[in-house]
Protein backbone atom coordinates (compact mmCIF):
# COMPACT_ATOMS: atom_id res chain seq x y z
CA MET A 1 -107.98 -106.89 -26.90
CA ARG A 2 -106.65 -110.35 -27.03
CA LEU A 3 -102.90 -111.81 -27.26
CA ALA A 4 -103.34 -113.52 -30.94
CA ALA A 5 -99.53 -114.66 -31.39
CA LEU A 6 -96.57 -114.44 -30.34
CA TRP A 7 -93.05 -114.68 -32.94
CA LEU A 8 -89.84 -116.91 -31.28
CA ASP A 9 -86.63 -118.73 -32.10
CA GLY A 10 -87.75 -117.12 -36.07
CA ARG A 11 -91.26 -118.83 -36.20
CA ARG A 12 -94.71 -117.30 -35.61
CA ARG A 13 -96.65 -119.34 -33.45
CA ASP A 14 -100.35 -119.91 -31.53
CA VAL A 15 -100.93 -119.02 -28.19
CA GLU A 16 -102.48 -122.30 -27.50
CA GLY A 17 -99.70 -124.41 -28.43
CA ALA A 18 -97.18 -121.89 -27.16
CA LEU A 19 -97.87 -122.57 -23.42
CA GLN A 20 -95.80 -125.34 -23.69
CA ASP A 21 -92.96 -124.27 -24.70
CA ARG A 22 -90.20 -122.73 -22.06
CA ALA A 23 -88.68 -120.50 -24.51
CA ALA A 24 -92.65 -118.81 -24.57
CA CYS A 25 -92.87 -119.06 -21.13
CA ALA A 26 -90.28 -117.10 -20.49
CA LEU A 27 -91.28 -114.67 -23.48
CA LEU A 28 -94.11 -114.37 -21.46
CA GLU A 29 -93.20 -114.06 -17.87
CA ALA A 30 -90.63 -111.28 -19.52
CA ALA A 31 -93.75 -109.58 -21.17
CA VAL A 32 -95.62 -109.70 -17.78
CA ARG A 33 -92.53 -108.48 -15.73
CA ALA A 34 -92.78 -105.08 -18.01
CA SER A 35 -96.73 -104.73 -17.43
CA ALA A 36 -97.27 -101.93 -14.72
CA GLN A 37 -98.80 -102.84 -11.63
CA ARG A 38 -102.59 -103.80 -11.22
CA SER A 39 -102.60 -101.61 -14.51
CA ASN A 40 -105.83 -101.04 -16.46
CA ASP A 41 -103.52 -101.08 -19.68
CA PRO A 42 -105.99 -103.62 -22.12
CA MET A 43 -102.48 -105.46 -23.42
CA ASP A 44 -101.31 -105.04 -20.06
CA ARG A 45 -104.00 -107.29 -18.42
CA ALA A 46 -104.38 -109.58 -21.62
CA LEU A 47 -100.71 -110.78 -21.24
CA CYS A 48 -101.82 -111.33 -17.16
CA GLU A 49 -104.76 -113.08 -17.96
CA VAL A 50 -103.04 -115.65 -21.08
CA ALA A 51 -100.07 -115.99 -19.59
CA GLY A 52 -101.80 -117.17 -16.18
CA LEU A 53 -98.36 -115.87 -14.18
CA GLY A 54 -98.43 -113.24 -11.35
CA ILE A 55 -95.45 -111.38 -10.34
CA ASP A 56 -95.28 -112.91 -6.57
CA ALA A 57 -91.50 -110.56 -6.05
CA GLY A 58 -94.06 -107.90 -4.58
CA GLU A 59 -93.36 -104.44 -6.29
CA PRO A 60 -90.80 -103.54 -8.46
CA ILE A 61 -87.40 -102.03 -7.33
CA ARG A 62 -87.58 -99.11 -10.14
CA VAL A 63 -89.42 -98.44 -13.25
CA TRP A 64 -88.27 -96.58 -17.24
CA PRO A 65 -92.21 -95.13 -18.26
CA LEU A 66 -92.69 -94.75 -21.76
CA ALA A 67 -90.47 -91.49 -23.14
CA PRO A 68 -90.53 -89.78 -26.50
CA GLU A 69 -87.47 -91.02 -27.25
CA ARG A 70 -87.24 -94.54 -26.09
CA PRO A 71 -91.17 -96.23 -26.51
CA ALA A 72 -90.89 -99.34 -23.96
CA TYR A 73 -91.39 -99.90 -20.53
CA ILE A 74 -88.74 -101.11 -18.22
CA GLN A 75 -89.25 -102.76 -14.61
CA LEU A 76 -86.17 -104.15 -12.67
CA TRP A 77 -87.20 -106.61 -9.44
CA ARG A 78 -85.21 -108.21 -7.27
CA GLU A 79 -84.95 -111.98 -7.29
CA SER A 80 -83.21 -114.74 -4.51
CA ASP A 81 -80.13 -115.05 -6.57
CA GLY A 82 -80.11 -111.44 -8.04
CA PHE A 83 -81.91 -108.95 -10.37
CA VAL A 84 -83.93 -109.52 -13.66
CA ALA A 85 -85.46 -106.86 -15.78
CA GLY A 86 -88.44 -106.75 -18.76
CA ALA A 87 -88.66 -104.85 -21.24
CA LYS A 88 -91.52 -104.01 -23.46
CA GLY A 89 -92.64 -101.59 -26.68
CA ALA A 90 -92.05 -100.92 -30.02
CA PRO A 91 -90.11 -102.63 -32.08
CA GLU A 92 -87.47 -100.89 -33.23
CA ALA A 93 -87.08 -99.38 -29.11
CA VAL A 94 -86.62 -103.21 -28.02
CA PHE A 95 -84.42 -103.93 -31.25
CA SER A 96 -82.36 -100.85 -29.57
CA LEU A 97 -82.05 -101.74 -26.67
CA CYS A 98 -80.78 -105.41 -27.01
CA GLY A 99 -78.66 -103.84 -29.85
CA LEU A 100 -80.04 -106.22 -32.15
CA GLY A 101 -79.23 -106.78 -36.23
CA GLY A 102 -78.02 -108.63 -38.50
CA ASP A 103 -80.61 -111.81 -39.73
CA ILE A 104 -82.35 -111.84 -36.57
CA LYS A 105 -83.59 -108.28 -36.52
CA ARG A 106 -84.56 -108.57 -40.17
CA ARG A 107 -86.68 -111.66 -39.70
CA ALA A 108 -88.20 -110.09 -36.53
CA ALA A 109 -89.07 -106.77 -38.99
CA GLU A 110 -90.20 -108.46 -41.17
CA ALA A 111 -92.64 -110.35 -39.00
CA GLN A 112 -93.65 -107.56 -37.27
CA GLU A 113 -94.61 -105.75 -40.55
CA GLN A 114 -96.21 -109.61 -41.55
CA MET A 115 -98.50 -109.56 -38.42
CA ALA A 116 -99.52 -105.35 -38.17
CA GLY A 117 -100.06 -105.97 -41.97
CA GLN A 118 -103.22 -108.21 -40.68
CA GLY A 119 -104.25 -105.29 -37.97
CA LEU A 120 -102.47 -106.55 -35.10
CA ARG A 121 -101.13 -104.42 -32.36
CA VAL A 122 -96.80 -105.91 -32.36
CA LEU A 123 -94.61 -105.49 -28.86
CA ALA A 124 -90.92 -106.40 -28.91
CA VAL A 125 -90.18 -107.67 -25.60
CA ALA A 126 -86.73 -108.75 -24.15
CA ASP A 127 -84.83 -109.45 -20.70
CA TRP A 128 -82.13 -108.57 -18.79
CA ARG A 129 -80.13 -110.26 -15.65
CA GLY A 130 -77.65 -109.94 -13.14
CA SER A 131 -76.35 -109.97 -9.85
CA SER A 132 -76.25 -105.88 -9.27
CA PRO A 133 -79.31 -103.61 -9.88
CA LEU A 134 -79.44 -102.22 -13.57
CA ALA A 135 -77.33 -99.21 -14.44
CA ALA A 136 -78.86 -95.97 -14.02
CA GLU A 137 -79.46 -95.74 -18.43
CA PRO A 138 -80.77 -98.94 -19.39
CA ASP A 139 -79.71 -98.63 -23.31
CA VAL A 140 -76.25 -99.52 -22.36
CA ALA A 141 -77.04 -103.17 -20.26
CA GLY A 142 -77.36 -105.20 -23.17
CA PHE A 143 -80.72 -106.61 -22.83
CA ARG A 144 -81.17 -109.82 -24.18
CA PHE A 145 -84.11 -110.17 -27.21
CA LEU A 146 -86.69 -112.75 -26.66
CA GLY A 147 -89.25 -112.23 -29.58
CA LEU A 148 -92.66 -110.40 -30.26
CA VAL A 149 -95.81 -110.59 -29.00
CA ALA A 150 -99.35 -109.32 -31.09
CA PHE A 151 -102.33 -108.34 -30.17
CA GLU A 152 -106.04 -108.18 -31.82
CA ASP A 153 -108.29 -105.09 -31.03
CA PRO A 154 -110.72 -106.15 -33.30
CA LEU A 155 -112.84 -103.03 -34.64
CA ARG A 156 -117.00 -102.89 -33.16
CA SER A 157 -119.08 -104.19 -35.40
CA GLU A 158 -120.85 -100.72 -35.67
CA VAL A 159 -118.03 -98.29 -36.12
CA PRO A 160 -117.91 -99.06 -40.46
CA GLY A 161 -121.70 -98.28 -40.65
CA ALA A 162 -121.47 -95.29 -38.09
CA LEU A 163 -118.22 -94.26 -39.75
CA ARG A 164 -119.75 -93.81 -43.53
CA VAL A 165 -122.66 -92.07 -42.04
CA ALA A 166 -120.22 -89.31 -40.27
CA GLN A 167 -118.88 -88.95 -43.76
CA GLY A 168 -122.61 -88.60 -45.74
CA ALA A 169 -122.78 -85.87 -42.97
CA GLY A 170 -119.85 -84.13 -44.37
CA ILE A 171 -117.50 -85.29 -41.65
CA SER A 172 -114.28 -86.09 -42.09
CA VAL A 173 -112.68 -88.75 -40.31
CA ALA A 174 -108.92 -89.24 -39.02
CA MET A 175 -106.98 -91.42 -36.95
CA ILE A 176 -104.10 -90.87 -35.07
CA THR A 177 -102.33 -93.62 -33.32
CA GLY A 178 -99.48 -94.53 -31.80
CA ASP A 179 -99.58 -97.56 -33.46
CA TYR A 180 -97.07 -99.28 -36.41
CA PRO A 181 -97.89 -97.67 -40.01
CA ALA A 182 -98.66 -101.32 -41.36
CA THR A 183 -101.14 -101.77 -38.22
CA ALA A 184 -102.75 -98.54 -38.62
CA ARG A 185 -103.32 -99.22 -42.36
CA ALA A 186 -105.37 -102.01 -42.12
CA ILE A 187 -106.95 -101.03 -39.16
CA ALA A 188 -108.39 -97.67 -41.33
CA GLY A 189 -109.22 -99.73 -43.88
CA GLN A 190 -111.59 -102.50 -42.60
CA ALA A 191 -112.52 -99.14 -40.83
CA GLY A 192 -113.48 -97.14 -43.90
CA ILE A 193 -111.19 -94.40 -43.39
CA ASP A 194 -109.57 -92.87 -46.42
CA LEU A 195 -106.16 -94.16 -47.63
CA SER A 196 -105.87 -92.77 -50.54
CA ALA A 197 -102.70 -90.42 -49.33
CA GLY A 198 -100.99 -93.02 -47.30
CA VAL A 199 -100.21 -93.01 -43.63
CA LEU A 200 -98.21 -89.96 -42.26
CA THR A 201 -95.66 -91.05 -39.67
CA GLY A 202 -94.17 -88.79 -36.48
CA ALA A 203 -90.87 -89.21 -38.12
CA GLU A 204 -91.93 -87.34 -41.20
CA ILE A 205 -94.27 -84.91 -39.22
CA ASP A 206 -91.22 -83.80 -37.45
CA ALA A 207 -89.70 -83.11 -40.75
CA LEU A 208 -91.90 -81.00 -42.41
CA SER A 209 -92.61 -77.65 -41.69
CA PRO A 210 -95.69 -76.37 -39.89
CA GLU A 211 -97.03 -75.08 -43.51
CA ALA A 212 -96.38 -78.33 -45.48
CA LEU A 213 -98.12 -80.33 -42.22
CA ARG A 214 -101.03 -78.02 -43.20
CA GLU A 215 -100.67 -78.75 -46.75
CA ARG A 216 -100.20 -82.56 -46.32
CA LEU A 217 -103.48 -82.67 -43.89
CA ARG A 218 -105.73 -81.38 -47.41
CA LYS A 219 -105.69 -85.06 -48.13
CA VAL A 220 -103.82 -87.39 -45.60
CA ARG A 221 -106.13 -89.13 -42.85
CA VAL A 222 -104.07 -91.48 -41.13
CA PHE A 223 -101.13 -90.81 -38.75
CA ALA A 224 -99.05 -93.28 -37.15
CA ARG A 225 -96.09 -93.38 -34.41
CA ILE A 226 -97.80 -90.19 -33.00
CA ARG A 227 -96.75 -88.50 -30.31
CA ALA A 228 -98.55 -86.62 -27.67
CA GLU A 229 -96.96 -83.23 -28.63
CA GLN A 230 -97.69 -83.86 -32.37
CA LYS A 231 -101.21 -85.01 -31.97
CA LEU A 232 -101.49 -81.53 -30.41
CA ALA A 233 -100.03 -80.20 -33.68
CA LEU A 234 -102.23 -82.18 -35.42
CA VAL A 235 -105.60 -80.80 -34.09
CA GLU A 236 -103.87 -77.03 -34.28
CA ALA A 237 -103.40 -77.77 -38.17
CA PHE A 238 -106.34 -78.98 -38.56
CA GLN A 239 -108.32 -76.12 -37.00
CA ALA A 240 -106.21 -73.50 -39.24
CA HIS A 241 -107.85 -75.28 -42.40
CA GLY A 242 -110.74 -74.00 -40.52
CA HIS A 243 -112.30 -76.83 -39.64
CA VAL A 244 -114.02 -77.73 -36.52
CA VAL A 245 -112.12 -80.46 -34.72
CA ALA A 246 -113.91 -83.33 -31.97
CA MET A 247 -111.14 -84.96 -30.85
CA THR A 248 -111.27 -88.02 -29.08
CA GLY A 249 -108.92 -89.61 -26.22
CA ASP A 250 -108.31 -91.44 -23.57
CA GLY A 251 -105.01 -91.33 -22.43
CA VAL A 252 -102.83 -88.72 -20.49
CA ASN A 253 -100.56 -87.54 -23.19
CA ASP A 254 -104.22 -87.24 -25.16
CA ALA A 255 -105.27 -83.99 -22.68
CA PRO A 256 -103.36 -81.28 -24.63
CA ALA A 257 -104.75 -81.98 -28.14
CA LEU A 258 -108.49 -82.69 -26.03
CA GLU A 259 -107.83 -79.25 -24.74
CA ALA A 260 -106.76 -77.63 -27.85
CA ALA A 261 -109.86 -79.26 -30.04
CA GLN A 262 -113.34 -77.45 -29.87
CA ILE A 263 -114.71 -80.58 -28.70
CA GLY A 264 -112.56 -82.69 -26.54
CA ILE A 265 -114.57 -86.29 -26.05
CA ALA A 266 -112.55 -88.77 -23.51
CA MET A 267 -113.45 -92.32 -23.07
CA GLY A 268 -115.49 -92.82 -19.72
CA LYS A 269 -114.82 -96.69 -19.16
CA ARG A 270 -110.83 -96.00 -19.43
CA GLY A 271 -110.01 -92.53 -19.29
CA SER A 272 -108.17 -91.23 -17.51
CA ASP A 273 -108.56 -88.91 -14.96
CA VAL A 274 -106.44 -86.29 -16.99
CA ALA A 275 -108.66 -86.91 -20.05
CA ARG A 276 -111.70 -86.82 -19.17
CA GLU A 277 -110.69 -83.32 -17.15
CA ALA A 278 -109.10 -82.24 -19.94
CA ALA A 279 -112.55 -82.95 -21.89
CA ASP A 280 -115.56 -80.81 -22.86
CA LEU A 281 -117.62 -84.34 -23.17
CA ILE A 282 -117.42 -87.91 -21.57
CA LEU A 283 -118.75 -91.28 -23.50
CA LEU A 284 -120.45 -94.04 -20.96
CA ASP A 285 -119.91 -96.77 -23.32
CA ASP A 286 -116.32 -95.24 -25.78
CA SER A 287 -117.88 -95.97 -28.61
CA PHE A 288 -117.59 -94.36 -31.62
CA GLY A 289 -120.75 -94.77 -32.68
CA ALA A 290 -121.94 -93.19 -29.59
CA ILE A 291 -120.18 -89.96 -31.24
CA VAL A 292 -122.13 -89.92 -34.63
CA ASP A 293 -125.43 -90.58 -32.61
CA GLY A 294 -124.12 -87.20 -30.90
CA VAL A 295 -124.21 -85.02 -33.82
CA VAL A 296 -127.50 -86.77 -35.15
CA LEU A 297 -128.98 -86.02 -31.28
CA GLY A 298 -127.08 -82.29 -32.46
CA ARG A 299 -129.03 -81.92 -35.80
CA ARG A 300 -132.26 -82.76 -34.58
CA ILE A 301 -132.53 -80.25 -31.54
CA TYR A 302 -131.08 -77.66 -33.80
CA ALA A 303 -134.08 -77.77 -36.06
CA ASN A 304 -135.99 -78.88 -34.01
CA LEU A 305 -135.47 -75.34 -31.80
CA ARG A 306 -135.82 -73.50 -35.12
CA ARG A 307 -138.90 -75.21 -36.47
CA ALA A 308 -140.46 -74.03 -32.73
CA MET A 309 -138.99 -70.10 -33.19
CA VAL A 310 -140.13 -69.82 -36.84
CA TYR A 311 -143.82 -71.74 -36.01
CA ILE A 312 -143.91 -69.06 -32.39
CA THR A 313 -142.50 -65.91 -34.58
CA ALA A 314 -145.03 -66.21 -37.17
CA ILE A 315 -148.30 -67.14 -35.22
CA HIS A 316 -147.97 -64.28 -33.12
CA VAL A 317 -147.90 -61.80 -36.07
CA PRO A 318 -151.85 -62.13 -36.80
CA ILE A 319 -152.34 -62.99 -32.58
CA ALA A 320 -150.84 -58.96 -32.71
CA GLY A 321 -152.40 -58.16 -35.88
CA LEU A 322 -156.02 -59.21 -34.79
CA ALA A 323 -155.91 -57.05 -32.17
CA LEU A 324 -154.48 -53.85 -33.26
CA ALA A 325 -155.72 -53.78 -37.21
CA PRO A 326 -159.77 -53.82 -36.58
CA LEU A 327 -159.21 -51.20 -33.60
CA LEU A 328 -157.12 -48.52 -36.17
CA ILE A 329 -159.67 -49.56 -39.13
CA GLY A 330 -162.22 -48.75 -37.29
CA TRP A 331 -164.13 -51.99 -36.74
CA PRO A 332 -165.22 -53.66 -33.62
CA PRO A 333 -162.40 -55.09 -31.61
CA LEU A 334 -161.83 -58.71 -32.78
CA LEU A 335 -159.70 -60.22 -30.28
CA MET A 336 -160.25 -60.10 -25.99
CA PRO A 337 -157.83 -60.81 -23.50
CA MET A 338 -159.54 -64.21 -23.28
CA HIS A 339 -159.01 -65.17 -26.27
CA VAL A 340 -154.89 -64.62 -26.36
CA VAL A 341 -154.92 -66.40 -23.22
CA LEU A 342 -156.22 -69.31 -25.00
CA LEU A 343 -154.50 -68.60 -27.88
CA GLU A 344 -150.87 -69.19 -25.70
CA LEU A 345 -152.22 -72.16 -24.09
CA VAL A 346 -151.89 -73.69 -27.48
CA ILE A 347 -149.23 -72.44 -28.34
CA ASP A 348 -146.73 -72.94 -25.68
CA PRO A 349 -147.69 -77.10 -25.31
CA VAL A 350 -147.24 -77.07 -29.14
CA CYS A 351 -143.92 -75.45 -29.12
CA ALA A 352 -142.86 -77.59 -25.84
CA LEU A 353 -144.34 -81.11 -26.81
CA ALA A 354 -144.84 -81.61 -31.15
CA PHE A 355 -141.84 -79.93 -32.22
CA GLU A 356 -139.64 -81.26 -29.27
CA ALA A 357 -140.51 -84.25 -29.37
CA ALA A 358 -140.23 -84.57 -33.90
CA PRO A 359 -137.48 -86.99 -34.22
CA ALA A 360 -134.08 -86.51 -37.10
CA GLU A 361 -135.39 -86.10 -40.74
CA ALA A 362 -133.99 -89.32 -42.65
CA SER A 363 -131.75 -86.13 -44.85
CA ALA A 364 -130.75 -85.23 -41.64
CA MET A 365 -126.79 -86.99 -41.71
CA LYS A 366 -126.91 -86.52 -45.45
CA GLN A 367 -126.29 -83.04 -45.21
CA PRO A 368 -122.83 -81.07 -45.18
CA PRO A 369 -122.35 -79.28 -41.48
CA ARG A 370 -123.91 -75.59 -41.18
CA LYS A 371 -121.12 -73.02 -40.82
CA PRO A 372 -120.37 -72.09 -37.07
CA THR A 373 -121.06 -68.12 -38.01
CA GLU A 374 -125.04 -69.12 -39.07
CA PRO A 375 -127.17 -68.02 -36.04
CA LEU A 376 -130.37 -70.49 -34.58
CA PHE A 377 -132.66 -67.60 -35.56
CA GLY A 378 -131.48 -65.15 -38.16
CA ARG A 379 -132.94 -62.34 -40.79
CA ARG A 380 -133.97 -65.29 -43.16
CA GLN A 381 -135.92 -67.33 -40.54
CA ILE A 382 -136.92 -63.51 -39.32
CA VAL A 383 -138.31 -62.44 -42.32
CA GLY A 384 -139.63 -66.00 -43.60
CA ALA A 385 -141.47 -66.35 -39.69
CA ALA A 386 -142.69 -62.57 -40.28
CA LEU A 387 -143.81 -63.15 -43.97
CA ALA A 388 -145.40 -66.26 -43.23
CA GLY A 389 -147.06 -64.57 -40.43
CA ALA A 390 -148.78 -61.79 -42.57
CA VAL A 391 -150.40 -64.33 -44.98
CA ILE A 392 -152.21 -65.67 -41.71
CA LEU A 393 -153.06 -61.97 -40.37
CA VAL A 394 -154.84 -60.72 -43.98
CA ALA A 395 -156.40 -63.85 -44.34
CA LEU A 396 -157.97 -63.64 -41.03
CA LEU A 397 -158.66 -59.94 -41.76
CA LEU A 398 -160.05 -60.51 -45.07
CA LEU A 399 -162.52 -63.23 -43.17
CA TYR A 400 -163.48 -60.76 -40.56
CA GLY A 401 -164.25 -57.91 -42.87
CA GLY A 402 -166.93 -59.88 -45.14
CA ALA A 403 -168.41 -61.55 -41.88
CA SER A 404 -169.37 -58.73 -40.35
CA ALA A 405 -170.73 -57.50 -43.67
CA VAL A 406 -173.13 -60.31 -43.65
CA ALA A 407 -173.41 -61.44 -39.85
CA SER A 408 -173.60 -59.82 -36.58
CA THR A 409 -170.17 -59.04 -34.98
CA ASP A 410 -170.30 -61.98 -32.47
CA GLU A 411 -170.83 -64.36 -35.10
CA ALA A 412 -167.89 -62.71 -37.53
CA ARG A 413 -165.70 -62.97 -33.93
CA GLY A 414 -166.60 -66.14 -33.79
CA ALA A 415 -166.07 -67.30 -37.16
CA ALA A 416 -162.20 -65.21 -37.52
CA PHE A 417 -161.62 -66.82 -33.80
CA THR A 418 -161.95 -69.81 -35.64
CA GLY A 419 -160.03 -69.48 -38.34
CA LEU A 420 -156.95 -67.70 -36.64
CA ILE A 421 -157.14 -71.08 -34.59
CA VAL A 422 -157.48 -73.43 -37.47
CA ALA A 423 -154.67 -71.67 -39.10
CA ASN A 424 -152.52 -72.08 -35.77
CA LEU A 425 -152.22 -76.02 -35.79
CA ALA A 426 -152.58 -76.60 -39.30
CA PHE A 427 -149.19 -74.19 -39.74
CA ALA A 428 -147.72 -76.09 -35.95
CA PHE A 429 -148.79 -79.41 -38.38
CA ALA A 430 -147.30 -78.16 -41.29
CA ALA A 431 -144.31 -76.94 -39.80
CA SER A 432 -143.10 -79.92 -36.76
CA ALA A 433 -143.91 -82.01 -39.62
CA VAL A 434 -141.48 -84.61 -40.80
CA PRO A 435 -140.56 -86.12 -44.10
CA GLY A 436 -141.54 -89.57 -44.52
CA LEU A 437 -143.35 -89.54 -41.19
CA GLY A 438 -146.67 -90.87 -41.12
CA LEU A 439 -148.93 -88.82 -40.05
CA LEU A 440 -150.06 -91.17 -36.80
CA ASP A 441 -146.78 -91.95 -35.85
CA ARG A 442 -146.20 -92.05 -31.19
CA SER A 443 -143.83 -88.62 -31.99
CA ARG A 444 -146.75 -87.20 -33.42
CA ARG A 445 -149.15 -87.85 -30.67
CA PRO A 446 -148.45 -85.09 -28.04
CA PHE A 447 -149.95 -82.90 -31.46
CA TRP A 448 -152.67 -84.56 -32.32
CA ILE A 449 -153.89 -84.68 -27.96
CA ILE A 450 -153.51 -81.08 -27.96
CA CYS A 451 -155.29 -80.47 -31.39
CA ALA A 452 -157.87 -82.20 -30.06
CA LEU A 453 -158.33 -80.52 -26.87
CA ALA A 454 -158.23 -77.19 -28.54
CA LEU A 455 -160.64 -77.66 -31.09
CA ALA A 456 -162.93 -79.22 -28.10
CA VAL A 457 -162.35 -75.98 -25.96
CA LEU A 458 -163.31 -74.02 -29.54
CA CYS A 459 -166.53 -76.26 -29.87
CA GLY A 460 -167.70 -75.20 -26.50
CA VAL A 461 -166.65 -71.80 -26.81
CA LEU A 462 -169.11 -72.13 -29.95
CA ALA A 463 -171.86 -74.19 -28.33
CA VAL A 464 -172.25 -73.34 -25.15
CA PRO A 465 -173.92 -69.91 -24.75
CA ALA A 466 -172.19 -69.00 -21.27
CA TRP A 467 -168.84 -70.11 -22.66
CA GLY A 468 -169.40 -67.75 -25.75
CA GLU A 469 -170.73 -64.74 -23.57
CA LEU A 470 -167.26 -65.08 -22.19
CA PHE A 471 -165.37 -64.67 -25.42
CA GLY A 472 -167.77 -62.49 -26.85
CA LEU A 473 -168.96 -64.59 -30.04
CA THR A 474 -171.22 -66.74 -30.90
CA LEU A 475 -171.33 -69.70 -33.19
CA PRO A 476 -171.39 -68.47 -37.07
CA PRO A 477 -174.00 -69.77 -39.44
CA PRO A 478 -172.74 -72.87 -41.11
CA PRO A 479 -171.85 -71.31 -44.45
CA LEU A 480 -169.37 -68.71 -42.64
CA LEU A 481 -168.44 -71.34 -40.24
CA ALA A 482 -167.08 -74.11 -43.21
CA LEU A 483 -165.50 -70.63 -44.92
CA ALA A 484 -163.95 -69.79 -41.49
CA LEU A 485 -162.65 -73.81 -41.42
CA LEU A 486 -161.18 -73.64 -45.62
CA VAL A 487 -159.66 -69.99 -44.60
CA GLY A 488 -157.66 -71.06 -41.57
CA ALA A 489 -156.51 -74.63 -43.04
CA GLY A 490 -155.64 -73.04 -46.43
CA ALA A 491 -153.37 -70.07 -44.35
CA GLY A 492 -151.95 -72.22 -42.52
CA GLY A 493 -150.85 -73.75 -44.95
CA MET A 494 -149.65 -70.71 -47.49
CA ALA A 495 -148.31 -69.84 -44.74
CA LEU A 496 -145.44 -72.62 -44.55
CA ARG A 497 -144.20 -71.90 -48.14
CA LEU A 498 -143.25 -68.34 -47.33
CA SER A 499 -141.31 -70.14 -43.84
CA PRO A 500 -137.74 -70.86 -44.14
CA HIS A 501 -138.75 -74.78 -43.61
CA ASP A 502 -135.81 -75.37 -46.21
CA ARG A 503 -132.35 -76.95 -44.09
CA LEU A 504 -134.27 -76.26 -40.76
């Protein structure tokens, strides 16, 4: 935020040149007198910085804060020869304080409209002097209009791009501000917010019924001169349309809307304590881009959790089936406790590392939001995972049965166990794959490490007689071993086609 321009004596002036003018200095002094002491407000700080003025008269003796009926900030000070008050705020409020009318009001309003159309925030400034303290109600005191101050609060460079990403993800962005409508329109245009339905002001909202407001909210996305209770009404109206609403804010007057929204997001740097308490999330850098990054991260976590749950459900179907089915059929047992332990030592790291490390898909922010009622792991995922596991189970049972007919039990068990390990890794590789991601991408490194360790242990079990005796299997003949590798890889790949892998 910086002070960009002044308007006084009927014309606009640049800040640098105006500081040599007595009238401009009087305007700035009154604006500083109407700024809160030790303020964190960016406009107050910008004024004090440019003006180079410090009020050395101690603390103000009275303050009239901003109010819905009078959006202007007034402070009364004692001086050696009397009393002085400064007022700054919405131009229409300060015009009323000064009883301004006629040509000067028209010209000031035109200057306000022109500067607001350039995206500047415009405040009017007035002062009052007297030998006795200001009356209880400053509205009748007769302030003197001094001019306008215009502030530039440029958009962060990442905002238009982040907003386009949000819109592509089906997120509708609305701007709710207390600024003048022309300022709101200009800033919304720079950001890329939809302006096709125009700007809805607080005064217009007051004239609408709740039903009419909800109807206007189908298209309107920019709201100006909005009060705290109107922010809450807007949040509730959006929710009435079935939207999941995330509300951002930093002031005390934002707290009701932050509390009412499904996701309240407060600014961490300049947010008030009340706003932070009412919010669900607090931004550390006060950046709109951080909100969009949070959506990307949320979609990535959701997809990776679902992939991991599909995988872990699918792969336990053949483990359970291969432990029970041979006994029910009358064949020699296939899986023993040591086999299950080794499999679990592969499954858990794969889920914890390979799936969680997977980055977001490139299309993650081009998908519409999922329904709030959609389960993370519902019927479709359960059925799909069961079918995928059944494919691996049937393929390995056929392999075990065929191998038992041409080789010893230990060799057949070795072939089937090899097929199960390979099917496990093939299915995990395919299920955790992200489209467009290279095989040797850094995010896939945990999978390749786990894969190498698992295959090394398998080779040790097959090649070392003592290990093979512990696991109750031996190295199958080369043709049978090749068939086991082929069946395992094919079953793992085919299982993926039956798993609910789309829109994970």
